[in-house]
C-alpha cells in the first residue's frame, strides 16, 4: 500500500515539513515550521477521544512518564524527536481511518478497545497492538485500516 505522506526533517530552524523532489537529500523545505504544541494537542485530543489513561498515553507516545505528563499539560517546550513524530503520525492516521470507516463517532472511538478476530490482532484489541514499544506495530495497525479504506485486503 502506498501513501503520499509528507516527510519531516531537522534543520537549523527546527523541524519543517517537506515533499520529495530531486534534491540531494530527497526533501524540499516548504518553509513551514512544525508546530509542536499543536501536534501534541492533537495527539492528546485523540487520547481523550479514545479514553486512554496516562500510562496508555505514555506507552503510545513512546516517551517517559514525566515527559508525557508535562506535554499533556502543555508545560514543557521541546523539539519532538523523529521517532516521536513517527508514532504521532501513525496515531493520527489510525484515528482518521477509524473515523472514516466507523459511524457513529462513539463507535469509532470505542473500536480501539474492542476485541478483534483479524489475525493481526490475535483476538486482542487494536490498542493492545498499538501499545507495544515497536513503532512497526503502529504501522501495521495503520496499514490494516488504510487497506480497509482502500478495499485492498491482501
N, C-alpha and C. Protein backbone atom coordinates (compact mmCIF):
# COMPACT_ATOMS: atom_id res chain seq x y z
N UNK A 1 0.83 -1.16 0.00
CA UNK A 1 0.00 0.00 0.00
C UNK A 1 0.89 1.24 0.00
N UNK A 2 0.56 2.20 -0.85
CA UNK A 2 1.36 3.41 -0.96
C UNK A 2 0.56 4.58 -0.42
N UNK A 3 1.26 5.46 0.29
CA UNK A 3 0.61 6.67 0.75
C UNK A 3 1.45 7.85 0.32
N UNK A 4 0.84 8.99 0.18
CA UNK A 4 1.52 10.19 -0.22
C UNK A 4 1.65 11.08 1.01
N UNK A 5 2.57 10.72 1.89
CA UNK A 5 2.72 11.43 3.15
C UNK A 5 3.90 12.41 3.04
N UNK A 6 3.78 13.51 3.76
CA UNK A 6 4.89 14.45 3.86
C UNK A 6 5.94 13.89 4.80
N UNK A 7 7.17 14.28 4.61
CA UNK A 7 8.25 13.87 5.48
C UNK A 7 8.66 15.04 6.35
N UNK A 8 9.20 14.74 7.53
CA UNK A 8 9.71 15.78 8.42
C UNK A 8 11.23 15.69 8.45
N UNK A 9 11.87 16.80 8.60
CA UNK A 9 13.32 16.77 8.68
C UNK A 9 13.80 17.87 9.60
N UNK A 10 14.95 17.66 10.20
CA UNK A 10 15.52 18.65 11.10
C UNK A 10 16.33 19.65 10.28
N UNK A 11 16.22 20.89 10.63
CA UNK A 11 17.04 21.91 10.02
C UNK A 11 17.54 22.83 11.12
N UNK A 12 18.36 23.80 10.78
CA UNK A 12 18.87 24.71 11.79
C UNK A 12 17.74 25.54 12.41
N UNK A 13 16.60 25.61 11.74
CA UNK A 13 15.46 26.38 12.24
C UNK A 13 14.44 25.49 12.94
N UNK A 14 14.77 24.22 13.15
CA UNK A 14 13.83 23.30 13.77
C UNK A 14 13.24 22.37 12.73
N UNK A 15 12.25 21.63 13.11
CA UNK A 15 11.64 20.68 12.18
C UNK A 15 10.75 21.41 11.20
N UNK A 16 10.84 21.00 9.97
CA UNK A 16 9.99 21.56 8.94
C UNK A 16 9.39 20.41 8.14
N UNK A 17 8.30 20.69 7.46
CA UNK A 17 7.73 19.67 6.60
C UNK A 17 8.32 19.84 5.21
N UNK A 18 8.33 18.77 4.47
CA UNK A 18 8.88 18.83 3.13
C UNK A 18 8.25 17.79 2.24
N UNK A 19 8.48 17.92 0.96
CA UNK A 19 8.00 16.95 -0.01
C UNK A 19 9.20 16.41 -0.75
N UNK A 20 9.08 15.18 -1.24
CA UNK A 20 10.17 14.58 -2.02
C UNK A 20 10.36 15.37 -3.32
N UNK A 21 11.61 15.48 -3.71
CA UNK A 21 11.93 16.04 -5.02
C UNK A 21 13.26 15.48 -5.47
N UNK A 22 13.90 16.11 -6.41
CA UNK A 22 15.15 15.60 -6.95
C UNK A 22 16.37 16.20 -6.27
N UNK A 23 16.22 16.89 -5.13
CA UNK A 23 17.37 17.47 -4.45
C UNK A 23 18.23 16.37 -3.84
N UNK A 24 19.42 16.72 -3.40
CA UNK A 24 20.37 15.73 -2.92
C UNK A 24 19.85 14.92 -1.73
N UNK A 25 19.05 15.51 -0.86
CA UNK A 25 18.55 14.76 0.30
C UNK A 25 17.13 14.25 0.10
N UNK A 26 16.53 14.50 -1.04
CA UNK A 26 15.19 13.99 -1.32
C UNK A 26 14.08 14.79 -0.68
N UNK A 27 14.40 15.91 -0.05
CA UNK A 27 13.39 16.71 0.66
C UNK A 27 13.48 18.16 0.18
N UNK A 28 12.34 18.76 -0.06
CA UNK A 28 12.28 20.18 -0.33
C UNK A 28 11.66 20.87 0.87
N UNK A 29 12.32 21.85 1.40
CA UNK A 29 11.74 22.58 2.52
C UNK A 29 10.61 23.46 2.00
N UNK A 30 9.50 23.42 2.70
CA UNK A 30 8.37 24.27 2.34
C UNK A 30 8.36 25.54 3.17
N UNK A 31 9.29 25.63 4.12
CA UNK A 31 9.37 26.82 4.95
C UNK A 31 8.30 26.88 6.02
N UNK A 32 7.64 25.77 6.30
CA UNK A 32 6.60 25.74 7.32
C UNK A 32 7.13 25.01 8.55
N UNK A 33 7.47 25.74 9.61
CA UNK A 33 7.94 25.05 10.80
C UNK A 33 6.83 24.20 11.41
N UNK A 34 7.22 23.05 11.89
CA UNK A 34 6.27 22.16 12.54
C UNK A 34 5.83 22.80 13.85
N UNK A 35 4.54 22.92 14.05
CA UNK A 35 4.02 23.48 15.30
C UNK A 35 3.89 22.32 16.29
N UNK A 36 4.93 22.14 17.11
CA UNK A 36 4.98 21.01 18.01
C UNK A 36 3.89 21.07 19.08
N UNK A 37 3.56 22.26 19.54
CA UNK A 37 2.49 22.38 20.54
C UNK A 37 1.16 21.91 19.95
N UNK A 38 0.88 22.31 18.72
CA UNK A 38 -0.36 21.88 18.06
C UNK A 38 -0.35 20.38 17.81
N UNK A 39 0.81 19.84 17.45
CA UNK A 39 0.93 18.40 17.23
C UNK A 39 0.61 17.64 18.51
N UNK A 40 1.14 18.11 19.63
CA UNK A 40 0.87 17.44 20.91
C UNK A 40 -0.59 17.62 21.33
N UNK A 41 -1.17 18.78 21.08
CA UNK A 41 -2.60 18.97 21.40
C UNK A 41 -3.46 18.00 20.61
N UNK A 42 -3.13 17.82 19.34
CA UNK A 42 -3.85 16.87 18.50
C UNK A 42 -3.70 15.46 19.07
N UNK A 43 -2.48 15.07 19.40
CA UNK A 43 -2.23 13.74 19.95
C UNK A 43 -3.05 13.51 21.23
N UNK A 44 -3.00 14.43 22.16
CA UNK A 44 -3.71 14.24 23.42
C UNK A 44 -5.22 14.35 23.25
N UNK A 45 -5.67 15.08 22.24
CA UNK A 45 -7.10 15.09 21.92
C UNK A 45 -7.57 13.72 21.44
N UNK A 46 -6.75 13.05 20.64
CA UNK A 46 -7.07 11.69 20.21
C UNK A 46 -7.09 10.75 21.41
N UNK A 47 -6.12 10.91 22.30
CA UNK A 47 -6.08 10.08 23.51
C UNK A 47 -7.35 10.27 24.35
N UNK A 48 -7.83 11.50 24.44
CA UNK A 48 -9.09 11.73 25.19
C UNK A 48 -10.27 11.08 24.47
N UNK A 49 -10.31 11.20 23.15
CA UNK A 49 -11.40 10.59 22.39
C UNK A 49 -11.42 9.08 22.60
N UNK A 50 -10.23 8.48 22.69
CA UNK A 50 -10.12 7.04 22.89
C UNK A 50 -10.21 6.64 24.36
N UNK A 51 -10.32 7.63 25.24
CA UNK A 51 -10.46 7.35 26.67
C UNK A 51 -9.23 6.63 27.23
N UNK A 52 -8.05 7.08 26.86
CA UNK A 52 -6.82 6.45 27.33
C UNK A 52 -6.41 6.99 28.69
N UNK A 53 -5.80 6.13 29.50
CA UNK A 53 -5.28 6.58 30.78
C UNK A 53 -3.84 7.07 30.57
N UNK A 54 -3.25 7.74 31.57
CA UNK A 54 -1.89 8.29 31.39
C UNK A 54 -0.85 7.25 31.00
N UNK A 55 -0.92 6.04 31.55
CA UNK A 55 0.06 5.01 31.19
C UNK A 55 -0.08 4.62 29.72
N UNK A 56 -1.31 4.56 29.21
CA UNK A 56 -1.54 4.24 27.80
C UNK A 56 -1.06 5.38 26.91
N UNK A 57 -1.33 6.64 27.31
CA UNK A 57 -0.84 7.79 26.55
C UNK A 57 0.67 7.75 26.43
N UNK A 58 1.33 7.45 27.53
CA UNK A 58 2.79 7.40 27.58
C UNK A 58 3.33 6.28 26.71
N UNK A 59 2.76 5.09 26.83
CA UNK A 59 3.23 3.94 26.04
C UNK A 59 3.03 4.18 24.55
N UNK A 60 1.88 4.74 24.19
CA UNK A 60 1.58 5.01 22.78
C UNK A 60 2.54 6.04 22.20
N UNK A 61 2.89 7.02 23.02
CA UNK A 61 3.80 8.08 22.58
C UNK A 61 5.26 7.62 22.57
N UNK A 62 5.60 6.67 23.45
CA UNK A 62 6.96 6.14 23.47
C UNK A 62 7.97 7.02 24.18
N UNK A 63 7.51 7.78 25.17
CA UNK A 63 8.42 8.62 25.96
C UNK A 63 8.24 8.26 27.44
N UNK A 64 9.09 8.83 28.29
CA UNK A 64 8.96 8.54 29.72
C UNK A 64 7.72 9.25 30.29
N UNK A 65 7.26 8.76 31.43
CA UNK A 65 6.01 9.25 32.02
C UNK A 65 6.07 10.73 32.37
N UNK A 66 7.18 11.20 32.94
CA UNK A 66 7.29 12.62 33.31
C UNK A 66 7.15 13.51 32.08
N UNK A 67 7.84 13.16 31.02
CA UNK A 67 7.76 13.95 29.78
C UNK A 67 6.33 13.95 29.25
N UNK A 68 5.72 12.78 29.22
CA UNK A 68 4.35 12.66 28.70
C UNK A 68 3.39 13.53 29.51
N UNK A 69 3.50 13.48 30.83
CA UNK A 69 2.60 14.27 31.67
C UNK A 69 2.82 15.76 31.49
N UNK A 70 4.07 16.18 31.37
CA UNK A 70 4.36 17.59 31.14
C UNK A 70 3.83 18.05 29.79
N UNK A 71 4.00 17.22 28.77
CA UNK A 71 3.48 17.56 27.45
C UNK A 71 1.96 17.62 27.47
N UNK A 72 1.33 16.71 28.19
CA UNK A 72 -0.14 16.69 28.21
C UNK A 72 -0.69 17.94 28.88
N UNK A 73 0.06 18.51 29.79
CA UNK A 73 -0.36 19.75 30.45
C UNK A 73 0.14 21.00 29.71
N UNK A 74 0.91 20.79 28.65
CA UNK A 74 1.45 21.92 27.89
C UNK A 74 2.52 22.68 28.62
N UNK A 75 3.19 22.03 29.58
CA UNK A 75 4.17 22.71 30.43
C UNK A 75 5.59 22.64 29.92
N UNK A 76 5.87 21.77 29.00
CA UNK A 76 7.25 21.55 28.59
C UNK A 76 7.42 21.84 27.12
N UNK A 77 8.26 22.81 26.83
CA UNK A 77 8.59 23.10 25.44
C UNK A 77 9.69 22.12 25.03
N UNK A 78 9.59 21.63 23.82
CA UNK A 78 10.56 20.64 23.38
C UNK A 78 10.63 20.60 21.87
N UNK A 79 11.65 19.94 21.40
CA UNK A 79 11.73 19.57 19.99
C UNK A 79 11.39 18.09 19.94
N UNK A 80 10.34 17.76 19.23
CA UNK A 80 9.93 16.36 19.13
C UNK A 80 10.94 15.59 18.30
N UNK A 81 11.35 14.46 18.83
CA UNK A 81 12.30 13.61 18.13
C UNK A 81 11.61 12.93 16.94
N UNK A 82 12.38 12.57 15.92
CA UNK A 82 11.78 11.92 14.75
C UNK A 82 10.95 10.68 15.10
N UNK A 83 11.42 9.87 16.04
CA UNK A 83 10.65 8.66 16.39
C UNK A 83 9.34 9.01 17.09
N UNK A 84 9.31 10.12 17.82
CA UNK A 84 8.07 10.56 18.46
C UNK A 84 7.10 11.08 17.40
N UNK A 85 7.61 11.85 16.45
CA UNK A 85 6.78 12.34 15.35
C UNK A 85 6.23 11.18 14.52
N UNK A 86 7.05 10.15 14.33
CA UNK A 86 6.60 8.98 13.58
C UNK A 86 5.42 8.32 14.30
N UNK A 87 5.55 8.12 15.61
CA UNK A 87 4.48 7.48 16.38
C UNK A 87 3.21 8.32 16.34
N UNK A 88 3.35 9.64 16.51
CA UNK A 88 2.18 10.52 16.46
C UNK A 88 1.54 10.46 15.08
N UNK A 89 2.35 10.43 14.03
CA UNK A 89 1.77 10.39 12.67
C UNK A 89 0.96 9.12 12.46
N UNK A 90 1.42 7.99 12.98
CA UNK A 90 0.65 6.75 12.88
C UNK A 90 -0.66 6.86 13.65
N UNK A 91 -0.59 7.43 14.85
CA UNK A 91 -1.81 7.58 15.67
C UNK A 91 -2.83 8.45 14.94
N UNK A 92 -2.38 9.53 14.35
CA UNK A 92 -3.29 10.42 13.62
C UNK A 92 -3.89 9.70 12.42
N UNK A 93 -3.08 8.95 11.68
CA UNK A 93 -3.59 8.21 10.53
C UNK A 93 -4.58 7.13 10.96
N UNK A 94 -4.29 6.45 12.06
CA UNK A 94 -5.19 5.43 12.59
C UNK A 94 -6.52 6.07 13.00
N UNK A 95 -6.44 7.16 13.71
CA UNK A 95 -7.64 7.88 14.15
C UNK A 95 -8.50 8.30 12.96
N UNK A 96 -7.87 8.88 11.96
CA UNK A 96 -8.60 9.35 10.77
C UNK A 96 -9.25 8.17 10.04
N UNK A 97 -8.52 7.08 9.91
CA UNK A 97 -9.06 5.91 9.21
C UNK A 97 -10.26 5.33 9.96
N UNK A 98 -10.13 5.21 11.27
CA UNK A 98 -11.25 4.67 12.07
C UNK A 98 -12.47 5.56 11.93
N UNK A 99 -12.27 6.87 12.04
CA UNK A 99 -13.40 7.80 11.93
C UNK A 99 -14.03 7.75 10.54
N UNK A 100 -13.25 7.42 9.52
CA UNK A 100 -13.80 7.30 8.17
C UNK A 100 -14.56 6.00 7.97
N UNK A 101 -14.12 4.95 8.66
CA UNK A 101 -14.71 3.63 8.48
C UNK A 101 -15.93 3.36 9.34
N UNK A 102 -15.98 3.95 10.53
CA UNK A 102 -16.99 3.57 11.51
C UNK A 102 -17.79 4.79 11.96
N UNK A 103 -19.10 4.64 11.94
CA UNK A 103 -20.01 5.66 12.45
C UNK A 103 -20.98 4.98 13.40
N UNK A 104 -21.47 5.63 14.40
CA UNK A 104 -21.22 6.99 14.84
C UNK A 104 -19.84 7.14 15.49
N UNK A 105 -19.49 8.37 15.82
CA UNK A 105 -18.19 8.68 16.39
C UNK A 105 -17.91 7.85 17.64
N UNK A 106 -18.90 7.67 18.50
CA UNK A 106 -18.70 6.90 19.73
C UNK A 106 -18.27 5.47 19.41
N UNK A 107 -18.85 4.88 18.39
CA UNK A 107 -18.46 3.52 17.99
C UNK A 107 -17.05 3.51 17.41
N UNK A 108 -16.72 4.53 16.65
CA UNK A 108 -15.36 4.64 16.09
C UNK A 108 -14.33 4.73 17.20
N UNK A 109 -14.60 5.57 18.19
CA UNK A 109 -13.65 5.76 19.27
C UNK A 109 -13.54 4.52 20.16
N UNK A 110 -14.59 3.73 20.23
CA UNK A 110 -14.57 2.50 21.04
C UNK A 110 -13.86 1.36 20.32
N UNK A 111 -13.69 1.46 19.00
CA UNK A 111 -13.12 0.36 18.22
C UNK A 111 -11.75 -0.08 18.74
N UNK A 112 -10.91 0.87 19.16
CA UNK A 112 -9.56 0.50 19.61
C UNK A 112 -9.59 -0.39 20.84
N UNK A 113 -10.70 -0.37 21.59
CA UNK A 113 -10.82 -1.17 22.82
C UNK A 113 -11.53 -2.50 22.59
N UNK A 114 -12.06 -2.72 21.41
CA UNK A 114 -12.85 -3.93 21.13
C UNK A 114 -11.95 -5.07 20.66
N UNK A 115 -12.27 -6.28 21.12
CA UNK A 115 -11.54 -7.47 20.65
C UNK A 115 -11.72 -7.60 19.14
N UNK A 116 -10.67 -8.02 18.47
CA UNK A 116 -10.69 -8.12 17.01
C UNK A 116 -10.19 -9.50 16.60
N UNK A 117 -10.96 -10.18 15.78
CA UNK A 117 -10.62 -11.54 15.36
C UNK A 117 -9.65 -11.60 14.19
N UNK A 118 -9.31 -10.46 13.58
CA UNK A 118 -8.34 -10.47 12.49
C UNK A 118 -7.01 -11.03 13.01
N UNK A 119 -6.32 -11.86 12.21
CA UNK A 119 -5.04 -12.44 12.66
C UNK A 119 -4.02 -11.41 13.15
N UNK A 120 -4.06 -10.21 12.61
CA UNK A 120 -3.14 -9.17 13.06
C UNK A 120 -3.27 -8.92 14.56
N UNK A 121 -4.49 -9.01 15.07
CA UNK A 121 -4.75 -8.69 16.47
C UNK A 121 -4.83 -9.94 17.36
N UNK A 122 -4.97 -11.11 16.75
CA UNK A 122 -4.98 -12.35 17.50
C UNK A 122 -6.03 -12.42 18.59
N UNK A 123 -7.19 -11.82 18.35
CA UNK A 123 -8.26 -11.81 19.34
C UNK A 123 -8.13 -10.70 20.36
N UNK A 124 -7.02 -10.00 20.36
CA UNK A 124 -6.82 -8.86 21.26
C UNK A 124 -7.41 -7.59 20.64
N UNK A 125 -7.09 -6.48 21.23
CA UNK A 125 -7.59 -5.20 20.74
C UNK A 125 -6.53 -4.48 19.91
N UNK A 126 -6.99 -3.55 19.11
CA UNK A 126 -6.05 -2.71 18.36
C UNK A 126 -5.16 -1.94 19.33
N UNK A 127 -5.74 -1.47 20.42
CA UNK A 127 -4.97 -0.71 21.39
C UNK A 127 -3.84 -1.55 21.98
N UNK A 128 -4.11 -2.81 22.29
CA UNK A 128 -3.04 -3.68 22.80
C UNK A 128 -1.89 -3.76 21.80
N UNK A 129 -2.21 -3.90 20.54
CA UNK A 129 -1.19 -3.97 19.49
C UNK A 129 -0.43 -2.64 19.40
N UNK A 130 -1.15 -1.54 19.51
CA UNK A 130 -0.54 -0.22 19.36
C UNK A 130 0.33 0.16 20.55
N UNK A 131 0.08 -0.40 21.72
CA UNK A 131 0.82 -0.01 22.92
C UNK A 131 2.18 -0.69 23.05
N UNK A 132 2.51 -1.59 22.15
CA UNK A 132 3.83 -2.22 22.23
C UNK A 132 4.90 -1.18 21.90
N UNK A 133 6.12 -1.39 22.38
CA UNK A 133 7.17 -0.39 22.12
C UNK A 133 7.57 -0.26 20.65
N UNK A 134 7.28 -1.27 19.85
CA UNK A 134 7.71 -1.25 18.44
C UNK A 134 6.80 -0.36 17.60
N UNK A 135 7.37 0.65 16.96
CA UNK A 135 6.57 1.52 16.09
C UNK A 135 6.05 0.73 14.89
N UNK A 136 6.68 -0.40 14.58
CA UNK A 136 6.20 -1.24 13.47
C UNK A 136 4.78 -1.74 13.75
N UNK A 137 4.44 -1.96 15.03
CA UNK A 137 3.10 -2.40 15.35
C UNK A 137 2.07 -1.30 15.07
N UNK A 138 2.43 -0.06 15.34
CA UNK A 138 1.56 1.06 14.96
C UNK A 138 1.40 1.11 13.45
N UNK A 139 2.49 0.92 12.74
CA UNK A 139 2.44 0.92 11.28
C UNK A 139 1.55 -0.20 10.76
N UNK A 140 1.60 -1.38 11.39
CA UNK A 140 0.76 -2.50 10.96
C UNK A 140 -0.73 -2.18 11.17
N UNK A 141 -1.07 -1.58 12.29
CA UNK A 141 -2.48 -1.21 12.53
C UNK A 141 -2.90 -0.15 11.52
N UNK A 142 -2.03 0.80 11.28
CA UNK A 142 -2.31 1.85 10.29
C UNK A 142 -2.52 1.23 8.91
N UNK A 143 -1.64 0.33 8.52
CA UNK A 143 -1.76 -0.33 7.23
C UNK A 143 -3.03 -1.15 7.11
N UNK A 144 -3.39 -1.84 8.18
CA UNK A 144 -4.62 -2.63 8.20
C UNK A 144 -5.83 -1.73 7.93
N UNK A 145 -5.90 -0.61 8.64
CA UNK A 145 -7.05 0.29 8.50
C UNK A 145 -7.06 0.98 7.13
N UNK A 146 -5.91 1.39 6.66
CA UNK A 146 -5.85 2.04 5.35
C UNK A 146 -6.19 1.05 4.24
N UNK A 147 -5.87 -0.23 4.42
CA UNK A 147 -6.28 -1.26 3.46
C UNK A 147 -7.80 -1.41 3.48
N UNK A 148 -8.39 -1.33 4.67
CA UNK A 148 -9.85 -1.39 4.77
C UNK A 148 -10.48 -0.22 4.02
N UNK A 149 -9.88 0.95 4.14
CA UNK A 149 -10.39 2.13 3.44
C UNK A 149 -10.31 1.98 1.92
N UNK A 150 -9.20 1.40 1.46
CA UNK A 150 -8.98 1.32 0.02
C UNK A 150 -9.60 0.06 -0.60
N UNK A 151 -10.04 -0.86 0.24
CA UNK A 151 -10.59 -2.12 -0.27
C UNK A 151 -9.52 -3.13 -0.62
N UNK A 152 -8.26 -2.86 -0.26
CA UNK A 152 -7.15 -3.76 -0.55
C UNK A 152 -6.92 -4.65 0.67
N UNK A 153 -7.51 -5.84 0.67
CA UNK A 153 -7.49 -6.72 1.84
C UNK A 153 -6.41 -7.79 1.77
N UNK A 154 -5.36 -7.61 1.03
CA UNK A 154 -4.32 -8.65 0.89
C UNK A 154 -3.57 -8.83 2.15
